[in-house]
C-alpha cells in the first residue's frame, strides 16, 4: 500500500488529528520483502517478511500504538534461550506474535505452555496455518495462539517467561507491565530491541547488550540460571544494570512504529 493510500485510509478511519500524529511518528522509507529464511525453508513455513499495520484491518483499541511485524532471527532467540532456566517449569508468552515464528521456536522446547498473543486477525491466521504445519516438531504439551489485545490478555499462572520484540508503544507496554508486576509468580521479561527502560527501573537487570535486555519482575530470584545450572553472570560477563531511558540499538530488522 502506498504512503498516500495509507494516509487517506488513516484520515477516513481516525480523523485529521490522529492522522497527523501518526505521520509525525511513523513515516519511514519502505522496505522490500526479503527471501524466505532458512527457518521457513526447513519447516515449510511463512514467518519471514515485514508487515506494516497500515496494511491490515485491526479491531483493537490499541491499534494506533502498534508497531510493524518483523520476525525475530533464530540466532538471537537461540542465544537468549541458552541463558534461561530449564524450560519445564515455565510458561512462555510472546506478546505481538505476528506470524508465529517465536511461538514455534519456543515450542521446540518443553515449556509447560507456549502462547502467542497477536491483535491482528490476519497475522494470527497466518500463524495458525504455520502452527498446523509445525505440529509434528512441537515438544511443548500446550501451544496456542490468542487473537487479542495484549492489555486484555490473562497471563497463565506459575513461573513465566515473556518475549517482547517492541511490538507496541510505551503507553500499551506500561499497562501490560502493571499487570505483570501484580503477578505473584516469577516473571522473566525478555525485551528485544529494547526501549522504555524507565518502565523497568525498579526491576533487576539479569542481562543486557545492545540488542536485548532481560529483567526479572515481581517474585523472580536474584540470579538467573541457565538450563545446566550455571548463573548467567558466569556464562556472560557483560551483565549490566542500565541507567534507564536509553534505547538499545538494533542491527537486525527493527520493529518500528508505523502508520
Protein backbone atom coordinates (compact mmCIF):
# COMPACT_ATOMS: atom_id res chain seq x y z
CA UNK A 1 0.00 0.00 0.00
CA UNK A 2 1.43 3.41 -0.99
CA UNK A 3 2.03 6.05 1.65
CA UNK A 4 -0.66 8.28 0.07
CA UNK A 5 -3.24 5.49 0.36
CA UNK A 6 -2.18 4.83 3.94
CA UNK A 7 -2.66 8.47 4.87
CA UNK A 8 -6.05 8.55 3.13
CA UNK A 9 -7.14 5.39 4.91
CA UNK A 10 -5.99 6.75 8.27
CA UNK A 11 -7.79 10.07 7.66
CA UNK A 12 -11.10 8.31 6.91
CA UNK A 13 -10.67 5.95 9.88
CA UNK A 14 -9.07 8.17 12.53
CA UNK A 15 -9.66 11.79 11.55
CA UNK A 16 -7.21 14.58 10.85
CA UNK A 17 -5.61 14.99 14.29
CA UNK A 18 -4.76 11.33 14.84
CA UNK A 19 -3.53 11.02 11.27
CA UNK A 20 -1.13 13.94 11.79
CA UNK A 21 0.18 12.31 14.98
CA UNK A 22 0.72 9.01 13.17
CA UNK A 23 2.51 10.75 10.30
CA UNK A 24 4.96 12.52 12.61
CA UNK A 25 5.72 9.28 14.48
CA UNK A 26 5.66 6.65 11.81
CA UNK A 27 6.51 7.65 8.26
CA UNK A 28 9.75 5.99 7.18
CA UNK A 29 11.20 4.54 3.96
CA UNK A 30 9.53 1.36 2.78
CA UNK A 31 11.45 -1.89 2.92
CA UNK A 32 11.33 -4.65 0.38
CA UNK A 33 10.30 -8.15 1.35
CA UNK A 34 13.22 -10.47 1.87
CA UNK A 35 13.72 -14.03 0.71
CA UNK A 36 12.42 -16.91 2.87
CA UNK A 37 14.61 -17.61 5.86
CA UNK A 38 16.36 -20.91 6.47
CA UNK A 39 13.86 -21.50 9.29
CA UNK A 40 10.91 -21.13 6.90
CA UNK A 41 12.53 -23.28 4.23
CA UNK A 42 13.39 -26.03 6.70
CA UNK A 43 9.85 -26.35 8.06
CA UNK A 44 7.81 -25.16 5.07
CA UNK A 45 6.50 -22.05 6.83
CA UNK A 46 5.78 -18.39 6.13
CA UNK A 47 7.11 -16.28 9.01
CA UNK A 48 9.51 -14.01 7.11
CA UNK A 49 8.78 -10.52 5.78
CA UNK A 50 7.94 -7.20 7.37
CA UNK A 51 4.23 -6.31 7.58
CA UNK A 52 3.05 -2.75 8.16
CA UNK A 53 0.00 -2.46 10.39
CA UNK A 54 -1.41 0.11 7.97
CA UNK A 55 -1.88 -2.75 5.51
CA UNK A 56 -4.02 -4.73 7.97
CA UNK A 57 -7.56 -4.45 9.28
CA UNK A 58 -7.26 -4.36 13.07
CA UNK A 59 -10.13 -4.18 15.53
CA UNK A 60 -8.36 -3.19 18.74
CA UNK A 61 -8.33 -0.13 20.98
CA UNK A 62 -4.51 -0.25 20.85
CA UNK A 63 -4.05 -0.26 17.07
CA UNK A 64 -2.81 3.33 16.99
CA UNK A 65 0.02 2.29 19.30
CA UNK A 66 1.03 -0.88 17.47
CA UNK A 67 4.28 -1.45 15.57
CA UNK A 68 5.04 -3.29 12.35
CA UNK A 69 5.64 -7.03 12.35
CA UNK A 70 9.20 -8.18 11.75
CA UNK A 71 10.42 -11.71 12.59
CA UNK A 72 12.99 -12.46 15.28
CA UNK A 73 16.19 -14.02 13.86
CA UNK A 74 16.53 -17.63 15.11
CA UNK A 75 20.14 -16.97 16.11
CA UNK A 76 19.02 -14.23 18.51
CA UNK A 77 16.28 -16.39 20.02
CA UNK A 78 18.57 -19.40 20.45
CA UNK A 79 21.22 -17.24 22.12
CA UNK A 80 18.71 -15.98 24.69
CA UNK A 81 17.33 -19.45 25.36
CA UNK A 82 20.83 -20.60 26.34
CA UNK A 83 20.78 -18.06 29.19
CA UNK A 84 17.42 -19.07 30.64
CA UNK A 85 16.50 -21.65 33.27
CA UNK A 86 15.35 -25.11 32.26
CA UNK A 87 12.01 -24.59 30.47
CA UNK A 88 9.98 -27.40 32.06
CA UNK A 89 8.53 -25.31 34.90
CA UNK A 90 7.88 -22.17 32.85
CA UNK A 91 5.11 -20.99 30.56
CA UNK A 92 6.25 -18.87 27.60
CA UNK A 93 4.28 -15.93 26.17
CA UNK A 94 5.15 -13.93 23.04
CA UNK A 95 3.47 -10.51 23.06
CA UNK A 96 2.85 -9.40 19.49
CA UNK A 97 3.44 -12.84 18.00
CA UNK A 98 2.68 -11.86 14.40
CA UNK A 99 3.15 -14.81 12.04
CA UNK A 100 4.22 -17.00 14.93
CA UNK A 101 7.94 -17.54 14.48
CA UNK A 102 8.91 -17.03 18.14
CA UNK A 103 5.99 -19.21 19.27
CA UNK A 104 7.17 -22.02 17.01
CA UNK A 105 10.80 -21.71 18.09
CA UNK A 106 9.70 -21.80 21.74
CA UNK A 107 7.52 -24.83 21.02
CA UNK A 108 10.68 -26.77 20.09
CA UNK A 109 11.44 -26.68 23.82
CA UNK A 110 9.50 -28.43 26.61
CA UNK A 111 7.82 -25.37 28.15
CA UNK A 112 4.69 -26.05 30.21
CA UNK A 113 2.80 -23.88 27.74
CA UNK A 114 3.62 -21.63 24.79
CA UNK A 115 1.20 -18.84 23.92
CA UNK A 116 1.31 -16.23 21.18
CA UNK A 117 -0.74 -13.05 21.62
CA UNK A 118 -1.49 -11.03 18.48
CA UNK A 119 -4.14 -8.34 17.91
CA UNK A 120 -4.22 -8.66 14.10
CA UNK A 121 -6.61 -11.40 12.98
CA UNK A 122 -4.83 -11.54 9.61
CA UNK A 123 -1.41 -12.15 11.13
CA UNK A 124 -2.92 -14.56 13.65
CA UNK A 125 -4.46 -16.57 10.79
CA UNK A 126 -1.04 -16.87 9.14
CA UNK A 127 0.40 -18.03 12.46
CA UNK A 128 -2.35 -20.65 12.85
CA UNK A 129 -1.51 -22.05 9.41
CA UNK A 130 2.17 -22.17 10.35
CA UNK A 131 1.37 -23.95 13.62
CA UNK A 132 -0.62 -26.65 11.84
CA UNK A 133 2.38 -27.38 9.61
CA UNK A 134 4.74 -27.26 12.58
CA UNK A 135 2.81 -29.59 14.92
CA UNK A 136 4.99 -32.69 14.28
CA UNK A 137 8.00 -30.81 15.69
CA UNK A 138 6.35 -29.42 18.84
CA UNK A 139 7.72 -30.52 22.23
CA UNK A 140 5.56 -28.35 24.49
CA UNK A 141 2.30 -30.03 25.53
CA UNK A 142 0.26 -26.82 25.21
CA UNK A 143 0.86 -24.49 22.25
CA UNK A 144 -1.80 -21.97 21.29
CA UNK A 145 -2.36 -18.65 19.59
CA UNK A 146 -4.64 -15.98 21.04
CA UNK A 147 -6.01 -13.19 18.86
CA UNK A 148 -6.43 -10.45 21.44
CA UNK A 149 -5.11 -7.12 22.64
CA UNK A 150 -2.12 -7.61 24.94
CA UNK A 151 -3.64 -5.40 27.64
CA UNK A 152 -6.66 -7.73 27.80
CA UNK A 153 -4.71 -10.98 27.83
CA UNK A 154 -4.75 -13.05 31.04
CA UNK A 155 -1.26 -14.40 31.64
CA UNK A 156 -1.03 -18.06 32.68
CA UNK A 157 -0.29 -18.80 36.34
CA UNK A 158 3.05 -20.06 37.60
CA UNK A 159 6.60 -19.11 36.55
CA UNK A 160 6.53 -17.18 33.30
CA UNK A 161 8.87 -16.07 30.51
CA UNK A 162 7.63 -13.18 28.35
CA UNK A 163 9.18 -12.38 24.96
CA UNK A 164 8.60 -8.88 23.58
CA UNK A 165 10.01 -7.61 20.28
CA UNK A 166 8.98 -3.93 20.59
CA UNK A 167 5.51 -4.80 19.31
CA UNK A 168 3.74 -1.73 20.65
CA UNK A 169 4.35 1.70 22.11
CA UNK A 170 5.14 2.79 25.64
CA UNK A 171 1.54 3.51 26.64
CA UNK A 172 0.48 -0.07 25.93
CA UNK A 173 3.60 -1.62 27.41
CA UNK A 174 3.06 0.33 30.63
CA UNK A 175 -0.41 -1.19 31.00
CA UNK A 176 0.93 -4.68 30.35
CA UNK A 177 3.76 -4.11 32.81
CA UNK A 178 1.28 -3.09 35.53
CA UNK A 179 -0.41 -6.46 35.13
CA UNK A 180 2.88 -8.32 35.26
CA UNK A 181 4.08 -6.69 38.47
CA UNK A 182 0.85 -7.77 40.15
CA UNK A 183 1.54 -11.44 39.46
CA UNK A 184 2.59 -13.49 42.47
CA UNK A 185 4.75 -15.79 40.40
CA UNK A 186 8.17 -15.40 38.86
CA UNK A 187 8.29 -13.45 35.62
CA UNK A 188 11.30 -13.11 33.31
CA UNK A 189 10.80 -10.37 30.70
CA UNK A 190 12.92 -10.51 27.54
CA UNK A 191 12.83 -7.28 25.52
CA UNK A 192 14.34 -7.48 22.03
CA UNK A 193 15.17 -4.07 20.51
CA UNK A 194 14.64 -2.66 23.98
CA UNK A 195 13.18 0.81 24.55
CA UNK A 196 11.49 2.42 27.55
CA UNK A 197 13.99 1.21 30.12
CA UNK A 198 12.45 3.59 32.63
CA UNK A 199 9.43 1.31 32.96
CA UNK A 200 11.72 -1.35 34.40
CA UNK A 201 13.74 0.91 36.69
CA UNK A 202 12.62 -0.98 39.81
CA UNK A 203 13.37 -4.40 38.28
CA UNK A 204 16.65 -6.27 38.42
CA UNK A 205 18.55 -6.41 35.14
CA UNK A 206 19.57 -10.01 34.51
CA UNK A 207 21.24 -9.45 31.14
CA UNK A 208 21.76 -6.59 28.70
CA UNK A 209 23.56 -5.93 25.45
CA UNK A 210 22.97 -3.51 22.60
CA UNK A 211 20.04 -5.56 21.28
CA UNK A 212 18.33 -7.18 24.27
CA UNK A 213 17.54 -6.64 27.94
CA UNK A 214 16.25 -9.27 30.34
CA UNK A 215 14.57 -8.16 33.55
CA UNK A 216 13.09 -10.06 36.47
CA UNK A 217 9.71 -8.86 37.68
CA UNK A 218 7.90 -9.42 40.98
CA UNK A 219 8.88 -12.70 42.65
CA UNK A 220 11.84 -13.62 40.48
CA UNK A 221 15.02 -14.92 42.13
CA UNK A 222 18.11 -12.73 42.42
CA UNK A 223 20.07 -14.72 39.85
CA UNK A 224 19.00 -16.13 36.52
CA UNK A 225 20.33 -19.63 35.85
CA UNK A 226 20.88 -21.41 32.61
CA UNK A 227 19.50 -24.88 31.94
CA UNK A 228 22.71 -26.50 33.19
CA UNK A 229 22.59 -24.64 36.50
CA UNK A 230 25.25 -22.04 35.69
CA UNK A 231 24.43 -18.44 36.56
CA UNK A 232 24.13 -16.10 33.62
CA UNK A 233 26.88 -13.98 35.13
CA UNK A 234 29.27 -16.93 34.86
CA UNK A 235 28.45 -17.51 31.19
CA UNK A 236 28.01 -13.92 30.01
CA UNK A 237 30.25 -11.44 31.83
CA UNK A 238 28.68 -8.33 30.30
CA UNK A 239 25.63 -8.15 32.58
CA UNK A 240 24.99 -4.52 33.44
CA UNK A 241 22.28 -2.53 35.17
CA UNK A 242 21.11 0.14 32.75
CA UNK A 243 20.54 3.67 33.94
CA UNK A 244 17.11 3.75 32.25
CA UNK A 245 15.76 5.69 29.33
CA UNK A 246 18.41 4.71 26.77
CA UNK A 247 17.27 2.77 23.71
CA UNK A 248 19.19 -0.27 22.59
CA UNK A 249 20.39 -0.25 19.01
CA UNK A 250 19.26 -2.96 16.62
CA UNK A 251 21.46 -4.48 13.97
CA UNK A 252 18.68 -6.70 12.59
CA UNK A 253 15.40 -5.51 11.09
CA UNK A 254 13.72 -3.32 13.68
CA UNK A 255 10.05 -3.21 14.66
CA UNK A 256 9.19 0.45 14.27
CA UNK A 257 6.07 2.50 14.92
CA UNK A 258 4.19 2.74 11.65
CA UNK A 259 1.10 4.21 10.05
